[in-house]
Every structure is written in C-alpha cells, then in structure tokens.
Amino acid sequence: RRCPCGDPEFIGCRFKDNVGGQIGGAFDIAFGGSILFDGCWFEGNRAVRAGALEIFGTTQAVVANSVFVDNTVTGSSGGGALWFGNGSSSRVVGCTIVENTANTNAAGGIRVQGANPRIQNCILWGNTGTGTNTAANQVTLTANVSHSLVEGGFAGGTGNIAADPQFTDQAQRDFTLPLTSPAVDAADGDALVAGLVSDFAGGRRAFDAPAADTGT
C-alpha cells in the first residue's frame, strides 16, 4: 500500500523463492525514501549480493516485525538475509533472522558495508557462512546492534544476549517464544516503531509477559 506522503509500505507480504541475479533476491532499494516493511516473510530467496533484501544509500527505510529464513547469498561480499551498503542508515526492528546462508563469505545473516543501520530487538540465530560458526556469521561485527539476541554473542552495543532463543518449533518454522525464552521482556521499548503495535504473529508487540524484565 502507499501512505499519504507517497512512500511505499509493504504490510504482511510474503517474498518467497525469488532469484534476484546480481543484487537483492527478493527486493532491492537504492537511494529510496521512507519505505516500510512490516510483518513480512522472506523465505528461499537468492542472489549474489543480498539473499533477500538489499538497502543501498537509503537513510529512512524501516524493516520491522519480519521474518527472514532460508535465504542464500552467493557472492563473496554479500549478506545471506540482508545487505546494507553505501551510507545506508535505516532500521531493522523486532525481526527474526534465522537459517540464512552465505556460500562464499561469513555473513549468513546481515552484512553491513559502508553503512550504519540500527539493528534493534532482533533475533539472529542459525545463520551460516564460511569459517567457524560465530557472531560474525549472524551480523557484521562492526554493525550497530542493540538489545538483540545474537548467536555467538555480540560484544558491541547495549543489551545484547547470546542464549538459545528457544523457538517453539524451529523445524516447522514456528519462531514464537515460550515464556522461558531469554528474549522475552529483553528488548528496548524505546526502539519500537510508532504506530506498529503488533508482532509478526499478530500479538501485541509491547507486552509485559510474566517473565524477568531484563530489557529497557
């Protein structure tokens, strides 16, 4: 849909099994404006530089409450799920980025190259690339990551954790979290995107679950 200001919005869309050639497997944004993806599902997409979504030279894109699973990047400088480049300073908020693959480099999850996106309240788990499976396979280690669960641990940023997210049924693509998950009540409430009140499953995004409050 398109908001009154003219910037495009993709709400509850599914991008599956697309082949993007040299750039983004499902979608490529180059020098765009305030584009929004909310509650979208990216699965099985493939390209040379960004398995699912490439954001290039764009400062106001928001990717929120979305799932990236089983996307593949084939190039040596790409990102299995997302790739940010050349001055991009957009946001990824409340997303689940799982089991994406980089065939010829480490960045199975998110690769940041000459950009500074904010990655907040996300789960990056089980993404694979070359080398030993560490945080570098989940997200570029120089990225701006906060209040996120990153497999292998992420030393920079604030409020990041590394424990198993305990997905309800990862094999069946059910990435909901039980109350025992360390990611429950561990996010930053100030990072929530105004006007987006639901998570991917349709539940309330801001919800005080009966669990220890370890976030902000």
C-alpha atoms as a PDB file:
ATOM      1  CA  ARG A   1       0.000   0.000   0.000  1.00  0.00           C
ATOM      2  CA  ARG A   2       1.065   3.666  -0.233  1.00  0.00           C
ATOM      3  CA  CYS A   3       0.821   6.093   2.660  1.00  0.00           C
ATOM      4  CA  PRO A   4      -0.442   9.713   2.191  1.00  0.00           C
ATOM      5  CA  CYS A   5       3.123  11.036   1.968  1.00  0.00           C
ATOM      6  CA  GLY A   6       3.749   8.868  -1.083  1.00  0.00           C
ATOM      7  CA  ASP A   7       6.272   6.444   0.460  1.00  0.00           C
ATOM      8  CA  PRO A   8       5.518   2.758  -0.210  1.00  0.00           C
ATOM      9  CA  GLU A   9       4.579   0.336   2.568  1.00  0.00           C
ATOM     10  CA  PHE A  10       4.657  -3.466   2.396  1.00  0.00           C
ATOM     11  CA  ILE A  11       2.435  -4.883   5.134  1.00  0.00           C
ATOM     12  CA  GLY A  12       2.086  -8.627   5.740  1.00  0.00           C
ATOM     13  CA  CYS A  13       3.662  -9.573   2.408  1.00  0.00           C
ATOM     14  CA  ARG A  14       5.387 -12.846   1.552  1.00  0.00           C
ATOM     15  CA  PHE A  15       8.507 -12.851  -0.644  1.00  0.00           C
ATOM     16  CA  LYS A  16       9.376 -16.468  -1.439  1.00  0.00           C
ATOM     17  CA  ASP A  17      11.724 -18.334  -3.806  1.00  0.00           C
ATOM     18  CA  ASN A  18      12.744 -15.317  -5.865  1.00  0.00           C
ATOM     19  CA  VAL A  19      16.055 -15.123  -7.752  1.00  0.00           C
ATOM     20  CA  GLY A  20      17.486 -11.614  -7.897  1.00  0.00           C
ATOM     21  CA  GLY A  21      20.533 -12.003 -10.090  1.00  0.00           C
ATOM     22  CA  GLN A  22      23.354  -9.668  -9.017  1.00  0.00           C
ATOM     23  CA  ILE A  23      21.576  -7.607  -6.345  1.00  0.00           C
ATOM     24  CA  GLY A  24      18.660  -8.415  -3.980  1.00  0.00           C
ATOM     25  CA  GLY A  25      16.989 -11.821  -4.095  1.00  0.00           C
ATOM     26  CA  ALA A  26      13.535 -10.518  -3.183  1.00  0.00           C
ATOM     27  CA  PHE A  27      13.870  -6.743  -3.151  1.00  0.00           C
ATOM     28  CA  ASP A  28      16.416  -4.002  -3.800  1.00  0.00           C
ATOM     29  CA  ILE A  29      16.166  -0.424  -2.514  1.00  0.00           C
ATOM     30  CA  ALA A  30      18.627   2.090  -3.942  1.00  0.00           C
ATOM     31  CA  PHE A  31      18.589   5.688  -2.677  1.00  0.00           C
ATOM     32  CA  GLY A  32      14.969   5.303  -1.574  1.00  0.00           C
ATOM     33  CA  GLY A  33      12.927   7.220   0.995  1.00  0.00           C
ATOM     34  CA  SER A  34      10.826   6.148   3.974  1.00  0.00           C
ATOM     35  CA  ILE A  35       9.937   2.696   2.690  1.00  0.00           C
ATOM     36  CA  LEU A  36       8.416   0.332   5.272  1.00  0.00           C
ATOM     37  CA  PHE A  37       8.276  -3.454   5.553  1.00  0.00           C
ATOM     38  CA  ASP A  38       6.096  -4.601   8.452  1.00  0.00           C
ATOM     39  CA  GLY A  39       5.150  -8.185   9.265  1.00  0.00           C
ATOM     40  CA  CYS A  40       6.679  -9.579   6.070  1.00  0.00           C
ATOM     41  CA  TRP A  41       8.042 -13.078   5.457  1.00  0.00           C
ATOM     42  CA  PHE A  42      11.194 -13.562   3.318  1.00  0.00           C
ATOM     43  CA  GLU A  43      11.978 -17.205   2.529  1.00  0.00           C
ATOM     44  CA  GLY A  44      14.053 -19.110  -0.018  1.00  0.00           C
ATOM     45  CA  ASN A  45      15.244 -16.052  -1.932  1.00  0.00           C
ATOM     46  CA  ARG A  46      18.649 -15.998  -3.614  1.00  0.00           C
ATOM     47  CA  ALA A  47      21.058 -13.501  -5.211  1.00  0.00           C
ATOM     48  CA  VAL A  48      24.723 -12.540  -5.487  1.00  0.00           C
ATOM     49  CA  ARG A  49      24.738  -9.601  -3.021  1.00  0.00           C
ATOM     50  CA  ALA A  50      21.670  -9.902  -0.761  1.00  0.00           C
ATOM     51  CA  GLY A  51      19.839 -13.172  -0.337  1.00  0.00           C
ATOM     52  CA  ALA A  52      16.551 -11.431   0.472  1.00  0.00           C
ATOM     53  CA  LEU A  53      16.755  -7.644   0.877  1.00  0.00           C
ATOM     54  CA  GLU A  54      19.343  -5.075  -0.205  1.00  0.00           C
ATOM     55  CA  ILE A  55      19.222  -1.492   1.096  1.00  0.00           C
ATOM     56  CA  PHE A  56      21.713   0.808  -0.641  1.00  0.00           C
ATOM     57  CA  GLY A  57      22.256   4.505   0.104  1.00  0.00           C
ATOM     58  CA  THR A  58      18.898   4.819   1.872  1.00  0.00           C
ATOM     59  CA  THR A  59      18.503   6.586   5.215  1.00  0.00           C
ATOM     60  CA  GLN A  60      14.885   6.101   6.297  1.00  0.00           C
ATOM     61  CA  ALA A  61      13.850   2.547   5.414  1.00  0.00           C
ATOM     62  CA  VAL A  62      12.331   0.518   8.264  1.00  0.00           C
ATOM     63  CA  VAL A  63      12.171  -3.278   8.335  1.00  0.00           C
ATOM     64  CA  ALA A  64      10.013  -4.269  11.304  1.00  0.00           C
ATOM     65  CA  ASN A  65       8.406  -7.377  12.804  1.00  0.00           C
ATOM     66  CA  SER A  66       9.505  -9.517   9.851  1.00  0.00           C
ATOM     67  CA  VAL A  67      10.982 -12.994   9.377  1.00  0.00           C
ATOM     68  CA  PHE A  68      13.964 -13.924   7.184  1.00  0.00           C
ATOM     69  CA  VAL A  69      14.540 -17.658   6.811  1.00  0.00           C
ATOM     70  CA  ASP A  70      16.448 -19.885   4.381  1.00  0.00           C
ATOM     71  CA  ASN A  71      17.648 -17.108   2.064  1.00  0.00           C
ATOM     72  CA  THR A  72      21.014 -17.520   0.319  1.00  0.00           C
ATOM     73  CA  VAL A  73      23.682 -15.137  -0.938  1.00  0.00           C
ATOM     74  CA  THR A  74      26.257 -16.423  -3.413  1.00  0.00           C
ATOM     75  CA  GLY A  75      28.709 -13.505  -3.739  1.00  0.00           C
ATOM     76  CA  SER A  76      31.847 -13.003  -1.677  1.00  0.00           C
ATOM     77  CA  SER A  77      30.715  -9.617  -0.295  1.00  0.00           C
ATOM     78  CA  GLY A  78      27.024 -10.285   0.281  1.00  0.00           C
ATOM     79  CA  GLY A  79      24.633 -10.931   3.162  1.00  0.00           C
ATOM     80  CA  GLY A  80      22.534 -14.083   3.413  1.00  0.00           C
ATOM     81  CA  ALA A  81      19.388 -12.259   4.573  1.00  0.00           C
ATOM     82  CA  LEU A  82      20.108  -8.513   4.331  1.00  0.00           C
ATOM     83  CA  TRP A  83      22.848  -6.320   2.904  1.00  0.00           C
ATOM     84  CA  PHE A  84      23.299  -2.630   3.751  1.00  0.00           C
ATOM     85  CA  GLY A  85      25.712  -0.516   1.732  1.00  0.00           C
ATOM     86  CA  ASN A  86      26.984   2.961   0.871  1.00  0.00           C
ATOM     87  CA  GLY A  87      25.682   5.224   3.602  1.00  0.00           C
ATOM     88  CA  SER A  88      22.502   3.352   4.463  1.00  0.00           C
ATOM     89  CA  SER A  89      21.343   4.267   7.970  1.00  0.00           C
ATOM     90  CA  SER A  90      17.966   2.584   8.104  1.00  0.00           C
ATOM     91  CA  ARG A  91      16.455   0.393  10.878  1.00  0.00           C
ATOM     92  CA  VAL A  92      15.774  -3.301  11.418  1.00  0.00           C
ATOM     93  CA  VAL A  93      13.480  -3.677  14.448  1.00  0.00           C
ATOM     94  CA  GLY A  94      11.838  -6.716  16.012  1.00  0.00           C
ATOM     95  CA  CYS A  95      12.883  -9.114  13.246  1.00  0.00           C
ATOM     96  CA  THR A  96      13.728 -12.826  13.340  1.00  0.00           C
ATOM     97  CA  ILE A  97      16.643 -13.733  11.064  1.00  0.00           C
ATOM     98  CA  VAL A  98      17.237 -17.489  11.074  1.00  0.00           C
ATOM     99  CA  GLU A  99      18.940 -20.185   8.974  1.00  0.00           C
ATOM    100  CA  ASN A 100      20.100 -17.923   6.158  1.00  0.00           C
ATOM    101  CA  THR A 101      23.292 -18.799   4.283  1.00  0.00           C
ATOM    102  CA  ALA A 102      26.315 -17.126   2.714  1.00  0.00           C
ATOM    103  CA  ASN A 103      28.028 -19.505   0.317  1.00  0.00           C
ATOM    104  CA  THR A 104      31.386 -17.745  -0.040  1.00  0.00           C
ATOM    105  CA  ASN A 105      31.772 -15.398   2.958  1.00  0.00           C
ATOM    106  CA  ALA A 106      30.940 -15.292   6.674  1.00  0.00           C
ATOM    107  CA  ALA A 107      27.818 -13.095   6.681  1.00  0.00           C
ATOM    108  CA  GLY A 108      24.952 -15.556   6.633  1.00  0.00           C
ATOM    109  CA  GLY A 109      22.615 -13.112   8.402  1.00  0.00           C
ATOM    110  CA  ILE A 110      23.259  -9.376   7.886  1.00  0.00           C
ATOM    111  CA  ARG A 111      26.221  -7.787   6.135  1.00  0.00           C
ATOM    112  CA  VAL A 112      26.943  -4.092   6.680  1.00  0.00           C
ATOM    113  CA  GLN A 113      29.337  -2.492   4.187  1.00  0.00           C
ATOM    114  CA  GLY A 114      29.967   1.246   4.290  1.00  0.00           C
ATOM    115  CA  ALA A 115      26.650   1.753   6.097  1.00  0.00           C
ATOM    116  CA  ASN A 116      25.278   2.325   9.610  1.00  0.00           C
ATOM    117  CA  PRO A 117      21.835   0.764  10.047  1.00  0.00           C
ATOM    118  CA  ARG A 118      20.395   0.289  13.539  1.00  0.00           C
ATOM    119  CA  ILE A 119      19.571  -3.329  14.340  1.00  0.00           C
ATOM    120  CA  GLN A 120      17.336  -3.409  17.419  1.00  0.00           C
ATOM    121  CA  ASN A 121      15.259  -6.001  19.290  1.00  0.00           C
ATOM    122  CA  CYS A 122      16.122  -8.735  16.765  1.00  0.00           C
ATOM    123  CA  ILE A 123      16.992 -12.432  16.930  1.00  0.00           C
ATOM    124  CA  LEU A 124      19.839 -13.659  14.708  1.00  0.00           C
ATOM    125  CA  TRP A 125      20.256 -17.407  15.059  1.00  0.00           C
ATOM    126  CA  GLY A 126      21.493 -20.336  12.989  1.00  0.00           C
ATOM    127  CA  ASN A 127      22.756 -18.257  10.077  1.00  0.00           C
ATOM    128  CA  THR A 128      25.768 -19.862   8.447  1.00  0.00           C
ATOM    129  CA  GLY A 129      28.707 -18.842   6.300  1.00  0.00           C
ATOM    130  CA  THR A 130      32.333 -19.701   5.811  1.00  0.00           C
ATOM    131  CA  GLY A 131      34.515 -20.334   8.836  1.00  0.00           C
ATOM    132  CA  THR A 132      33.648 -21.365  12.382  1.00  0.00           C
ATOM    133  CA  ASN A 133      30.092 -20.553  13.418  1.00  0.00           C
ATOM    134  CA  THR A 134      30.405 -17.330  15.455  1.00  0.00           C
ATOM    135  CA  ALA A 135      28.636 -13.990  15.815  1.00  0.00           C
ATOM    136  CA  ALA A 136      30.289 -12.939  12.541  1.00  0.00           C
ATOM    137  CA  ASN A 137      28.032 -15.432  10.745  1.00  0.00           C
ATOM    138  CA  GLN A 138      24.996 -13.633  12.162  1.00  0.00           C
ATOM    139  CA  VAL A 139      25.897  -9.979  11.572  1.00  0.00           C
ATOM    140  CA  THR A 140      28.944  -7.892  10.647  1.00  0.00           C
ATOM    141  CA  LEU A 141      30.823  -7.314  13.910  1.00  0.00           C
ATOM    142  CA  THR A 142      31.124  -3.549  13.317  1.00  0.00           C
ATOM    143  CA  ALA A 143      27.348  -3.151  12.967  1.00  0.00           C
ATOM    144  CA  ASN A 144      25.163  -1.039  15.277  1.00  0.00           C
ATOM    145  CA  VAL A 145      23.328  -3.791  17.191  1.00  0.00           C
ATOM    146  CA  SER A 146      21.419  -3.345  20.459  1.00  0.00           C
ATOM    147  CA  HIS A 147      19.003  -5.339  22.635  1.00  0.00           C
ATOM    148  CA  SER A 148      19.230  -8.281  20.270  1.00  0.00           C
ATOM    149  CA  LEU A 149      19.847 -12.000  20.670  1.00  0.00           C
ATOM    150  CA  VAL A 150      22.864 -12.920  18.536  1.00  0.00           C
ATOM    151  CA  GLU A 151      24.195 -16.469  18.382  1.00  0.00           C
ATOM    152  CA  GLY A 152      27.826 -16.497  19.483  1.00  0.00           C
ATOM    153  CA  GLY A 153      27.429 -13.192  21.361  1.00  0.00           C
ATOM    154  CA  PHE A 154      27.840  -9.636  20.089  1.00  0.00           C
ATOM    155  CA  ALA A 155      30.415  -7.665  22.026  1.00  0.00           C
ATOM    156  CA  GLY A 156      29.439  -4.195  20.865  1.00  0.00           C
ATOM    157  CA  GLY A 157      26.195  -2.371  21.531  1.00  0.00           C
ATOM    158  CA  THR A 158      23.875  -2.399  24.534  1.00  0.00           C
ATOM    159  CA  GLY A 159      21.699  -5.154  25.951  1.00  0.00           C
ATOM    160  CA  ASN A 160      22.727  -7.926  23.546  1.00  0.00           C
ATOM    161  CA  ILE A 161      22.474 -11.558  24.659  1.00  0.00           C
ATOM    162  CA  ALA A 162      23.626 -14.885  23.228  1.00  0.00           C
ATOM    163  CA  ALA A 163      21.492 -17.642  24.801  1.00  0.00           C
ATOM    164  CA  ASP A 164      19.315 -20.074  22.834  1.00  0.00           C
ATOM    165  CA  PRO A 165      16.046 -18.268  21.933  1.00  0.00           C
ATOM    166  CA  GLN A 166      14.065 -21.489  22.466  1.00  0.00           C
ATOM    167  CA  PHE A 167      11.836 -21.171  19.402  1.00  0.00           C
ATOM    168  CA  THR A 168       8.588 -23.101  19.794  1.00  0.00           C
ATOM    169  CA  ASP A 169       9.288 -25.326  16.750  1.00  0.00           C
ATOM    170  CA  GLN A 170      12.138 -24.128  14.565  1.00  0.00           C
ATOM    171  CA  ALA A 171      11.923 -27.124  12.230  1.00  0.00           C
ATOM    172  CA  GLN A 172       8.316 -26.237  11.413  1.00  0.00           C
ATOM    173  CA  ARG A 173       9.082 -22.509  11.058  1.00  0.00           C
ATOM    174  CA  ASP A 174       7.305 -21.598  14.303  1.00  0.00           C
ATOM    175  CA  PHE A 175       9.545 -18.876  15.722  1.00  0.00           C
ATOM    176  CA  THR A 176       7.257 -17.837  18.564  1.00  0.00           C
ATOM    177  CA  LEU A 177       8.878 -17.740  22.005  1.00  0.00           C
ATOM    178  CA  PRO A 178       7.858 -19.519  25.204  1.00  0.00           C
ATOM    179  CA  LEU A 179       7.935 -17.560  28.458  1.00  0.00           C
ATOM    180  CA  THR A 180      11.216 -19.296  29.330  1.00  0.00           C
ATOM    181  CA  SER A 181      12.996 -17.732  26.345  1.00  0.00           C
ATOM    182  CA  PRO A 182      15.765 -15.300  27.338  1.00  0.00           C
ATOM    183  CA  ALA A 183      14.495 -12.957  24.604  1.00  0.00           C
ATOM    184  CA  VAL A 184      11.126 -12.378  26.331  1.00  0.00           C
ATOM    185  CA  ASP A 185      10.988  -8.942  28.015  1.00  0.00           C
ATOM    186  CA  ALA A 186      14.599  -8.335  26.988  1.00  0.00           C
ATOM    187  CA  ALA A 187      14.054  -5.663  24.316  1.00  0.00           C
ATOM    188  CA  ASP A 188      14.221  -1.875  24.294  1.00  0.00           C
ATOM    189  CA  GLY A 189      10.749  -0.332  24.463  1.00  0.00           C
ATOM    190  CA  ASP A 190      12.073   2.988  23.181  1.00  0.00           C
ATOM    191  CA  ALA A 191      13.100   1.287  19.913  1.00  0.00           C
ATOM    192  CA  LEU A 192       9.539   0.340  18.976  1.00  0.00           C
ATOM    193  CA  VAL A 193       8.326   1.897  15.736  1.00  0.00           C
ATOM    194  CA  ALA A 194       5.484   4.362  16.291  1.00  0.00           C
ATOM    195  CA  GLY A 195       2.155   3.076  15.025  1.00  0.00           C
ATOM    196  CA  LEU A 196       3.264  -0.568  14.682  1.00  0.00           C
ATOM    197  CA  VAL A 197       1.522  -2.289  17.565  1.00  0.00           C
ATOM    198  CA  SER A 198       1.619  -5.974  16.534  1.00  0.00           C
ATOM    199  CA  ASP A 199       4.387  -8.543  16.216  1.00  0.00           C
ATOM    200  CA  PHE A 200       4.594 -10.920  13.235  1.00  0.00           C
ATOM    201  CA  ALA A 201       2.129 -13.360  14.827  1.00  0.00           C
ATOM    202  CA  GLY A 202      -0.416 -10.615  15.421  1.00  0.00           C
ATOM    203  CA  GLY A 203       0.157 -10.338  19.154  1.00  0.00           C
ATOM    204  CA  ARG A 204       0.794  -7.094  20.986  1.00  0.00           C
ATOM    205  CA  ARG A 205       4.383  -6.012  20.419  1.00  0.00           C
ATOM    206  CA  ALA A 206       4.560  -4.117  23.719  1.00  0.00           C
ATOM    207  CA  PHE A 207       3.510  -6.704  26.285  1.00  0.00           C
ATOM    208  CA  ASP A 208       4.670  -7.234  29.864  1.00  0.00           C
ATOM    209  CA  ALA A 209       4.916 -11.026  29.964  1.00  0.00           C
ATOM    210  CA  PRO A 210       5.180 -12.803  33.343  1.00  0.00           C
ATOM    211  CA  ALA A 211       8.937 -13.127  32.973  1.00  0.00           C
ATOM    212  CA  ALA A 212      12.007 -11.358  34.281  1.00  0.00           C
ATOM    213  CA  ASP A 213      12.383  -7.875  32.791  1.00  0.00           C
ATOM    214  CA  THR A 214      15.946  -7.782  31.505  1.00  0.00           C
ATOM    215  CA  GLY A 215      15.482  -5.140  28.784  1.00  0.00           C
ATOM    216  CA  THR A 216      14.807  -1.416  28.849  1.00  0.00           C
END
